[in-house]
Amino acid sequence: MDDQKPGVGTMSAVWSQQASGAVRDVIALDGPSGTGKSTVARGLARRLGFRYLDTGAMYRAVTWAVLREGVDPDDAAAVTDLAARTRISVTTDPDDQHVTVDGHPVDQEIRSQVVTTAVSPVSAAPGVRALLVAQQRELIGDGAVVVEGRDIGTVVAPDAPLKVFLTASPDARATRRSRQDGTEQSGTAADLDRRDAYDSSRAHSPLRAADDAVHVDTTAMGVDEVIDHLVDLAVERSITAAQAHRGP
């Protein structure tokens, strides 16, 4: 499937046909920041030969557009109106990740601290979530994809055969995120607490595990160990690519 999709409000006929039944070969990976989610999701996609969809990058892209246009991130109506007029494109190759806003590359810009601070209120807007969920479902298409985010197993792909919710201790999460961002750990811990509270309490699509998700605590696990465990879970769920890529 072509990675360059129309604007955020589109939805494919393929997903519409699948929405009432099971979706094969889709792995939903949810959890808060600092649990190793992105690294694990990309690594798992590589291992299985799957595509990789970073839904958080899409919300960050809308947030970047909001800040560019001087829109108040807390003004849900204005944010949604802008999102509906903005073309967000993402690639799904785990080794070639790119994000554009209206054709402008924003790979680095969307990872800035100012975007990180503003992304929670933007992503809490129900209209924004509706628009992006439609595009995410279109990108998922007929499967063979690892999808990471905060509402994948509960909202975006509730029929995915494997749903995983990653967790880690607060200290481990803050340490990982501060290393990744080059920030001071105590400030990073406070930012994580703030975003967890915001995302878990929002009315629309809050951060939570699906009822049938497998919880995996990554605190004391290496990346390869987590990926091996998820491949084993995929084999148990009869995900077709997993058996051939199972470790020794």
C-alpha atoms as a PDB file:
ATOM      1  CA  MET A   1       0.000   0.000   0.000  1.00  0.00           C
ATOM      2  CA  ASP A   2       1.253   3.459  -0.881  1.00  0.00           C
ATOM      3  CA  ASP A   3       2.521   5.284   2.216  1.00  0.00           C
ATOM      4  CA  GLN A   4       1.664   8.742   0.882  1.00  0.00           C
ATOM      5  CA  LYS A   5      -1.972   9.145   1.787  1.00  0.00           C
ATOM      6  CA  PRO A   6      -4.562  11.861   1.267  1.00  0.00           C
ATOM      7  CA  GLY A   7      -5.412  14.279   4.075  1.00  0.00           C
ATOM      8  CA  VAL A   8      -6.255  13.351   7.622  1.00  0.00           C
ATOM      9  CA  GLY A   9      -9.966  12.823   7.060  1.00  0.00           C
ATOM     10  CA  THR A  10      -9.780   9.925   4.604  1.00  0.00           C
ATOM     11  CA  MET A  11     -10.764   6.329   5.279  1.00  0.00           C
ATOM     12  CA  SER A  12     -10.235   3.335   3.005  1.00  0.00           C
ATOM     13  CA  ALA A  13     -12.860   0.895   1.793  1.00  0.00           C
ATOM     14  CA  VAL A  14     -10.523  -1.938   2.817  1.00  0.00           C
ATOM     15  CA  TRP A  15     -10.750  -0.988   6.500  1.00  0.00           C
ATOM     16  CA  SER A  16     -14.492  -0.358   6.254  1.00  0.00           C
ATOM     17  CA  GLN A  17     -14.973  -3.927   5.085  1.00  0.00           C
ATOM     18  CA  GLN A  18     -12.752  -5.297   7.852  1.00  0.00           C
ATOM     19  CA  ALA A  19     -14.022  -3.159  10.707  1.00  0.00           C
ATOM     20  CA  SER A  20     -16.770  -5.575  11.726  1.00  0.00           C
ATOM     21  CA  GLY A  21     -14.467  -8.616  11.782  1.00  0.00           C
ATOM     22  CA  ALA A  22     -11.030  -9.729  12.922  1.00  0.00           C
ATOM     23  CA  VAL A  23      -8.040  -7.943  11.412  1.00  0.00           C
ATOM     24  CA  ARG A  24      -5.212 -10.344  10.660  1.00  0.00           C
ATOM     25  CA  ASP A  25      -1.517  -9.643  11.104  1.00  0.00           C
ATOM     26  CA  VAL A  26      -1.962  -6.386  13.014  1.00  0.00           C
ATOM     27  CA  ILE A  27      -0.035  -5.916  16.258  1.00  0.00           C
ATOM     28  CA  ALA A  28      -1.296  -3.095  18.498  1.00  0.00           C
ATOM     29  CA  LEU A  29       1.364  -1.743  20.844  1.00  0.00           C
ATOM     30  CA  ASP A  30       0.231   0.776  23.468  1.00  0.00           C
ATOM     31  CA  GLY A  31       1.751   2.355  26.539  1.00  0.00           C
ATOM     32  CA  PRO A  32       3.129   5.583  27.971  1.00  0.00           C
ATOM     33  CA  SER A  33       6.402   7.270  26.996  1.00  0.00           C
ATOM     34  CA  GLY A  34       9.676   5.800  28.203  1.00  0.00           C
ATOM     35  CA  THR A  35       8.620   2.152  28.099  1.00  0.00           C
ATOM     36  CA  GLY A  36      10.699   1.417  24.988  1.00  0.00           C
ATOM     37  CA  LYS A  37       7.575   1.413  22.847  1.00  0.00           C
ATOM     38  CA  SER A  38       8.963   3.038  19.688  1.00  0.00           C
ATOM     39  CA  THR A  39      12.236   1.098  19.714  1.00  0.00           C
ATOM     40  CA  VAL A  40      10.450  -2.178  20.325  1.00  0.00           C
ATOM     41  CA  ALA A  41       7.757  -1.506  17.733  1.00  0.00           C
ATOM     42  CA  ARG A  42      10.290  -0.704  15.017  1.00  0.00           C
ATOM     43  CA  GLY A  43      12.427  -3.703  15.934  1.00  0.00           C
ATOM     44  CA  LEU A  44       9.429  -6.017  15.947  1.00  0.00           C
ATOM     45  CA  ALA A  45       8.343  -4.738  12.536  1.00  0.00           C
ATOM     46  CA  ARG A  46      11.835  -5.374  11.167  1.00  0.00           C
ATOM     47  CA  ARG A  47      11.914  -8.873  12.637  1.00  0.00           C
ATOM     48  CA  LEU A  48       8.571  -9.803  11.085  1.00  0.00           C
ATOM     49  CA  GLY A  49       9.039  -7.947   7.809  1.00  0.00           C
ATOM     50  CA  PHE A  50       6.012  -5.814   8.728  1.00  0.00           C
ATOM     51  CA  ARG A  51       5.324  -2.145   8.218  1.00  0.00           C
ATOM     52  CA  TYR A  52       5.519   0.203  11.232  1.00  0.00           C
ATOM     53  CA  LEU A  53       3.064   2.976  12.021  1.00  0.00           C
ATOM     54  CA  ASP A  54       3.979   5.602  14.617  1.00  0.00           C
ATOM     55  CA  THR A  55       0.643   7.238  15.414  1.00  0.00           C
ATOM     56  CA  GLY A  56       2.237   9.575  17.944  1.00  0.00           C
ATOM     57  CA  ALA A  57       4.190  11.212  15.129  1.00  0.00           C
ATOM     58  CA  MET A  58       0.889  12.090  13.470  1.00  0.00           C
ATOM     59  CA  TYR A  59      -0.387  13.906  16.571  1.00  0.00           C
ATOM     60  CA  ARG A  60       2.962  15.657  16.865  1.00  0.00           C
ATOM     61  CA  ALA A  61       2.679  16.743  13.227  1.00  0.00           C
ATOM     62  CA  VAL A  62      -0.721  18.317  13.869  1.00  0.00           C
ATOM     63  CA  THR A  63       0.707  19.973  16.977  1.00  0.00           C
ATOM     64  CA  TRP A  64       3.576  21.424  14.956  1.00  0.00           C
ATOM     65  CA  ALA A  65       1.033  22.840  12.477  1.00  0.00           C
ATOM     66  CA  VAL A  66      -0.986  24.311  15.348  1.00  0.00           C
ATOM     67  CA  LEU A  67       2.065  26.069  16.742  1.00  0.00           C
ATOM     68  CA  ARG A  68       3.144  27.227  13.287  1.00  0.00           C
ATOM     69  CA  GLU A  69      -0.223  28.880  12.736  1.00  0.00           C
ATOM     70  CA  GLY A  70      -0.369  30.416  16.208  1.00  0.00           C
ATOM     71  CA  VAL A  71      -3.486  28.470  17.194  1.00  0.00           C
ATOM     72  CA  ASP A  72      -4.109  27.940  20.918  1.00  0.00           C
ATOM     73  CA  PRO A  73      -3.476  24.203  21.588  1.00  0.00           C
ATOM     74  CA  ASP A  74      -6.301  24.262  24.168  1.00  0.00           C
ATOM     75  CA  ASP A  75      -8.866  25.570  21.650  1.00  0.00           C
ATOM     76  CA  ALA A  76     -10.256  22.219  20.490  1.00  0.00           C
ATOM     77  CA  ALA A  77     -12.521  23.707  17.810  1.00  0.00           C
ATOM     78  CA  ALA A  78      -9.758  25.784  16.224  1.00  0.00           C
ATOM     79  CA  VAL A  79      -7.291  22.917  16.441  1.00  0.00           C
ATOM     80  CA  THR A  80      -9.746  20.539  14.772  1.00  0.00           C
ATOM     81  CA  ASP A  81     -10.502  23.045  12.018  1.00  0.00           C
ATOM     82  CA  LEU A  82      -6.807  23.398  11.272  1.00  0.00           C
ATOM     83  CA  ALA A  83      -6.261  19.621  11.359  1.00  0.00           C
ATOM     84  CA  ALA A  84      -9.032  19.137   8.802  1.00  0.00           C
ATOM     85  CA  ARG A  85      -7.238  21.535   6.444  1.00  0.00           C
ATOM     86  CA  THR A  86      -3.760  20.107   6.961  1.00  0.00           C
ATOM     87  CA  ARG A  87      -2.203  17.272   4.964  1.00  0.00           C
ATOM     88  CA  ILE A  88      -0.283  14.881   7.224  1.00  0.00           C
ATOM     89  CA  SER A  89       1.775  12.199   5.497  1.00  0.00           C
ATOM     90  CA  VAL A  90       3.804   9.464   7.184  1.00  0.00           C
ATOM     91  CA  THR A  91       5.840   6.567   5.875  1.00  0.00           C
ATOM     92  CA  THR A  92       5.539   3.044   7.279  1.00  0.00           C
ATOM     93  CA  ASP A  93       8.968   1.600   6.499  1.00  0.00           C
ATOM     94  CA  PRO A  94      10.591   0.929   9.911  1.00  0.00           C
ATOM     95  CA  ASP A  95      13.988   1.862   8.436  1.00  0.00           C
ATOM     96  CA  ASP A  96      12.838   4.964   6.566  1.00  0.00           C
ATOM     97  CA  GLN A  97      10.555   7.012   8.799  1.00  0.00           C
ATOM     98  CA  HIS A  98       9.475  10.416   7.493  1.00  0.00           C
ATOM     99  CA  VAL A  99       6.676  12.833   8.362  1.00  0.00           C
ATOM    100  CA  THR A 100       5.509  15.786   6.297  1.00  0.00           C
ATOM    101  CA  VAL A 101       2.995  18.564   6.941  1.00  0.00           C
ATOM    102  CA  ASP A 102       1.557  20.055   3.750  1.00  0.00           C
ATOM    103  CA  GLY A 103       4.575  18.637   1.925  1.00  0.00           C
ATOM    104  CA  HIS A 104       7.089  20.136   4.384  1.00  0.00           C
ATOM    105  CA  PRO A 105       9.428  17.625   6.117  1.00  0.00           C
ATOM    106  CA  VAL A 106       9.082  17.880   9.905  1.00  0.00           C
ATOM    107  CA  ASP A 107      10.991  14.830  11.139  1.00  0.00           C
ATOM    108  CA  GLN A 108      13.118  16.843  13.563  1.00  0.00           C
ATOM    109  CA  GLU A 109      10.692  19.652  14.315  1.00  0.00           C
ATOM    110  CA  ILE A 110       7.998  17.380  15.734  1.00  0.00           C
ATOM    111  CA  ARG A 111      10.426  16.042  18.361  1.00  0.00           C
ATOM    112  CA  SER A 112      11.139  19.462  19.847  1.00  0.00           C
ATOM    113  CA  GLN A 113      10.347  20.262  23.472  1.00  0.00           C
ATOM    114  CA  VAL A 114       7.774  22.877  22.492  1.00  0.00           C
ATOM    115  CA  VAL A 115       5.833  20.259  20.513  1.00  0.00           C
ATOM    116  CA  THR A 116       6.167  17.743  23.353  1.00  0.00           C
ATOM    117  CA  THR A 117       4.659  20.276  25.757  1.00  0.00           C
ATOM    118  CA  ALA A 118       1.703  21.080  23.490  1.00  0.00           C
ATOM    119  CA  VAL A 119       0.874  17.643  22.082  1.00  0.00           C
ATOM    120  CA  SER A 120      -1.361  16.477  24.962  1.00  0.00           C
ATOM    121  CA  PRO A 121      -4.079  19.145  24.606  1.00  0.00           C
ATOM    122  CA  VAL A 122      -3.958  18.880  20.801  1.00  0.00           C
ATOM    123  CA  SER A 123      -4.299  15.101  20.880  1.00  0.00           C
ATOM    124  CA  ALA A 124      -7.134  15.361  23.420  1.00  0.00           C
ATOM    125  CA  ALA A 125      -9.374  17.194  20.927  1.00  0.00           C
ATOM    126  CA  PRO A 126     -12.092  14.692  19.897  1.00  0.00           C
ATOM    127  CA  GLY A 127     -12.243  16.052  16.362  1.00  0.00           C
ATOM    128  CA  VAL A 128      -8.504  15.665  15.882  1.00  0.00           C
ATOM    129  CA  ARG A 129      -8.600  12.100  17.141  1.00  0.00           C
ATOM    130  CA  ALA A 130     -11.497  11.244  14.823  1.00  0.00           C
ATOM    131  CA  LEU A 131      -9.623  12.619  11.817  1.00  0.00           C
ATOM    132  CA  LEU A 132      -6.353  10.895  12.617  1.00  0.00           C
ATOM    133  CA  VAL A 133      -7.929   7.577  13.605  1.00  0.00           C
ATOM    134  CA  ALA A 134      -9.542   7.464  10.146  1.00  0.00           C
ATOM    135  CA  GLN A 135      -6.164   7.990   8.495  1.00  0.00           C
ATOM    136  CA  GLN A 136      -4.488   5.476  10.801  1.00  0.00           C
ATOM    137  CA  ARG A 137      -7.066   2.843   9.890  1.00  0.00           C
ATOM    138  CA  GLU A 138      -6.458   3.572   6.227  1.00  0.00           C
ATOM    139  CA  LEU A 139      -2.727   3.134   6.680  1.00  0.00           C
ATOM    140  CA  ILE A 140      -3.271  -0.154   8.530  1.00  0.00           C
ATOM    141  CA  GLY A 141      -5.240  -1.358   5.505  1.00  0.00           C
ATOM    142  CA  ASP A 142      -5.049  -5.124   5.159  1.00  0.00           C
ATOM    143  CA  GLY A 143      -2.476  -5.604   7.898  1.00  0.00           C
ATOM    144  CA  ALA A 144       1.143  -6.793   8.123  1.00  0.00           C
ATOM    145  CA  VAL A 145       1.845  -3.842  10.397  1.00  0.00           C
ATOM    146  CA  VAL A 146       2.960  -3.019  13.933  1.00  0.00           C
ATOM    147  CA  VAL A 147       1.056   0.032  15.172  1.00  0.00           C
ATOM    148  CA  GLU A 148       2.181   1.958  18.229  1.00  0.00           C
ATOM    149  CA  GLY A 149       0.355   4.622  20.183  1.00  0.00           C
ATOM    150  CA  ARG A 150      -1.875   5.168  23.194  1.00  0.00           C
ATOM    151  CA  ASP A 151      -5.282   3.999  21.953  1.00  0.00           C
ATOM    152  CA  ILE A 152      -4.460   1.410  19.304  1.00  0.00           C
ATOM    153  CA  GLY A 153      -5.900  -1.631  21.048  1.00  0.00           C
ATOM    154  CA  THR A 154      -8.916   0.260  22.406  1.00  0.00           C
ATOM    155  CA  VAL A 155      -9.901   2.515  19.489  1.00  0.00           C
ATOM    156  CA  VAL A 156      -7.802   2.352  16.328  1.00  0.00           C
ATOM    157  CA  ALA A 157      -7.563  -1.436  15.893  1.00  0.00           C
ATOM    158  CA  PRO A 158      -9.722  -3.071  18.577  1.00  0.00           C
ATOM    159  CA  ASP A 159      -9.906  -6.292  16.539  1.00  0.00           C
ATOM    160  CA  ALA A 160      -6.135  -6.702  16.257  1.00  0.00           C
ATOM    161  CA  PRO A 161      -5.221 -10.316  17.116  1.00  0.00           C
ATOM    162  CA  LEU A 162      -2.364  -9.199  19.381  1.00  0.00           C
ATOM    163  CA  LYS A 163      -2.622  -6.202  21.702  1.00  0.00           C
ATOM    164  CA  VAL A 164       0.270  -5.368  24.004  1.00  0.00           C
ATOM    165  CA  PHE A 165       0.490  -2.718  26.714  1.00  0.00           C
ATOM    166  CA  LEU A 166       4.054  -1.854  27.693  1.00  0.00           C
ATOM    167  CA  THR A 167       4.880  -0.534  31.149  1.00  0.00           C
ATOM    168  CA  ALA A 168       8.048   0.278  33.096  1.00  0.00           C
ATOM    169  CA  SER A 169       8.937   1.769  36.450  1.00  0.00           C
ATOM    170  CA  PRO A 170       8.880   5.581  36.708  1.00  0.00           C
ATOM    171  CA  ASP A 171      12.656   5.707  37.214  1.00  0.00           C
ATOM    172  CA  ALA A 172      13.349   3.508  34.196  1.00  0.00           C
ATOM    173  CA  ARG A 173      11.028   5.565  32.012  1.00  0.00           C
ATOM    174  CA  ALA A 174      12.578   8.879  33.062  1.00  0.00           C
ATOM    175  CA  THR A 175      16.112   7.543  32.561  1.00  0.00           C
ATOM    176  CA  ARG A 176      15.345   6.256  29.068  1.00  0.00           C
ATOM    177  CA  ARG A 177      13.546   9.388  27.970  1.00  0.00           C
ATOM    178  CA  SER A 178      16.193  11.763  29.336  1.00  0.00           C
ATOM    179  CA  ARG A 179      18.913   9.829  27.491  1.00  0.00           C
ATOM    180  CA  GLN A 180      16.874   9.943  24.292  1.00  0.00           C
ATOM    181  CA  ASP A 181      16.108  13.652  24.525  1.00  0.00           C
ATOM    182  CA  GLY A 182      19.330  14.803  26.198  1.00  0.00           C
ATOM    183  CA  THR A 183      17.389  16.326  29.096  1.00  0.00           C
ATOM    184  CA  GLU A 184      17.783  16.370  32.869  1.00  0.00           C
ATOM    185  CA  GLN A 185      16.149  13.349  34.492  1.00  0.00           C
ATOM    186  CA  SER A 186      14.110  15.060  37.214  1.00  0.00           C
ATOM    187  CA  GLY A 187      12.546  17.450  34.720  1.00  0.00           C
ATOM    188  CA  THR A 188      11.853  14.558  32.350  1.00  0.00           C
ATOM    189  CA  ALA A 189      10.157  12.626  35.162  1.00  0.00           C
ATOM    190  CA  ALA A 190       7.906  15.602  35.877  1.00  0.00           C
ATOM    191  CA  ASP A 191       7.018  15.904  32.172  1.00  0.00           C
ATOM    192  CA  LEU A 192       6.153  12.212  31.993  1.00  0.00           C
ATOM    193  CA  ASP A 193       3.945  12.476  35.082  1.00  0.00           C
ATOM    194  CA  ARG A 194       2.161  15.481  33.597  1.00  0.00           C
ATOM    195  CA  ARG A 195       1.505  13.808  30.276  1.00  0.00           C
ATOM    196  CA  ASP A 196       0.426  10.523  31.878  1.00  0.00           C
ATOM    197  CA  ALA A 197      -2.113  12.355  34.023  1.00  0.00           C
ATOM    198  CA  TYR A 198      -3.411  14.372  31.065  1.00  0.00           C
ATOM    199  CA  ASP A 199      -3.648  11.461  28.627  1.00  0.00           C
ATOM    200  CA  SER A 200      -5.128   9.017  31.123  1.00  0.00           C
ATOM    201  CA  SER A 201      -7.863  11.420  32.222  1.00  0.00           C
ATOM    202  CA  ARG A 202      -8.958  12.851  28.878  1.00  0.00           C
ATOM    203  CA  ALA A 203     -12.583  12.136  27.993  1.00  0.00           C
ATOM    204  CA  HIS A 204     -11.944  10.921  24.452  1.00  0.00           C
ATOM    205  CA  SER A 205      -9.719   7.864  23.853  1.00  0.00           C
ATOM    206  CA  PRO A 206      -7.775   7.988  27.136  1.00  0.00           C
ATOM    207  CA  LEU A 207      -4.494   6.154  27.577  1.00  0.00           C
ATOM    208  CA  ARG A 208      -5.427   2.728  28.908  1.00  0.00           C
ATOM    209  CA  ALA A 209      -4.842  -0.929  28.159  1.00  0.00           C
ATOM    210  CA  ALA A 210      -7.419  -2.883  26.186  1.00  0.00           C
ATOM    211  CA  ASP A 211      -9.226  -5.456  28.312  1.00  0.00           C
ATOM    212  CA  ASP A 212      -7.552  -8.288  26.390  1.00  0.00           C
ATOM    213  CA  ALA A 213      -4.098  -6.699  26.101  1.00  0.00           C
ATOM    214  CA  VAL A 214      -1.005  -8.524  27.300  1.00  0.00           C
ATOM    215  CA  HIS A 215       0.849  -6.380  29.850  1.00  0.00           C
ATOM    216  CA  VAL A 216       4.644  -6.432  29.494  1.00  0.00           C
ATOM    217  CA  ASP A 217       6.834  -4.700  32.091  1.00  0.00           C
ATOM    218  CA  THR A 218      10.056  -3.691  30.310  1.00  0.00           C
ATOM    219  CA  THR A 219      11.853  -2.307  33.388  1.00  0.00           C
ATOM    220  CA  ALA A 220      14.398  -5.126  33.618  1.00  0.00           C
ATOM    221  CA  MET A 221      14.243  -6.291  29.997  1.00  0.00           C
ATOM    222  CA  GLY A 222      16.533  -5.472  27.097  1.00  0.00           C
ATOM    223  CA  VAL A 223      15.105  -4.475  23.740  1.00  0.00           C
ATOM    224  CA  ASP A 224      15.901  -7.807  22.081  1.00  0.00           C
ATOM    225  CA  GLU A 225      14.369  -9.661  25.016  1.00  0.00           C
ATOM    226  CA  VAL A 226      11.128  -7.713  24.689  1.00  0.00           C
ATOM    227  CA  ILE A 227      11.013  -8.279  20.934  1.00  0.00           C
ATOM    228  CA  ASP A 228      11.630 -12.026  21.371  1.00  0.00           C
ATOM    229  CA  HIS A 229       8.759 -12.159  23.852  1.00  0.00           C
ATOM    230  CA  LEU A 230       6.422 -10.330  21.473  1.00  0.00           C
ATOM    231  CA  VAL A 231       7.352 -12.648  18.606  1.00  0.00           C
ATOM    232  CA  ASP A 232       6.415 -15.584  20.848  1.00  0.00           C
ATOM    233  CA  LEU A 233       3.084 -13.918  21.602  1.00  0.00           C
ATOM    234  CA  ALA A 234       2.521 -13.375  17.880  1.00  0.00           C
ATOM    235  CA  VAL A 235       3.156 -17.063  17.232  1.00  0.00           C
ATOM    236  CA  GLU A 236       0.568 -17.926  19.872  1.00  0.00           C
ATOM    237  CA  ARG A 237      -1.918 -15.642  18.093  1.00  0.00           C
ATOM    238  CA  SER A 238      -1.192 -17.334  14.728  1.00  0.00           C
ATOM    239  CA  ILE A 239       0.144 -14.168  13.157  1.00  0.00           C
ATOM    240  CA  THR A 240       1.460 -15.558   9.894  1.00  0.00           C
ATOM    241  CA  ALA A 241       4.924 -13.977   9.709  1.00  0.00           C
ATOM    242  CA  ALA A 242       5.860 -14.704  13.306  1.00  0.00           C
ATOM    243  CA  GLN A 243       6.688 -18.426  13.124  1.00  0.00           C
ATOM    244  CA  ALA A 244       9.353 -17.952  10.485  1.00  0.00           C
ATOM    245  CA  HIS A 245      11.050 -15.204  12.495  1.00  0.00           C
ATOM    246  CA  ARG A 246      10.954 -16.790  15.926  1.00  0.00           C
ATOM    247  CA  GLY A 247      14.283 -16.770  17.695  1.00  0.00           C
ATOM    248  CA  PRO A 248      16.222 -19.953  18.561  1.00  0.00           C
END
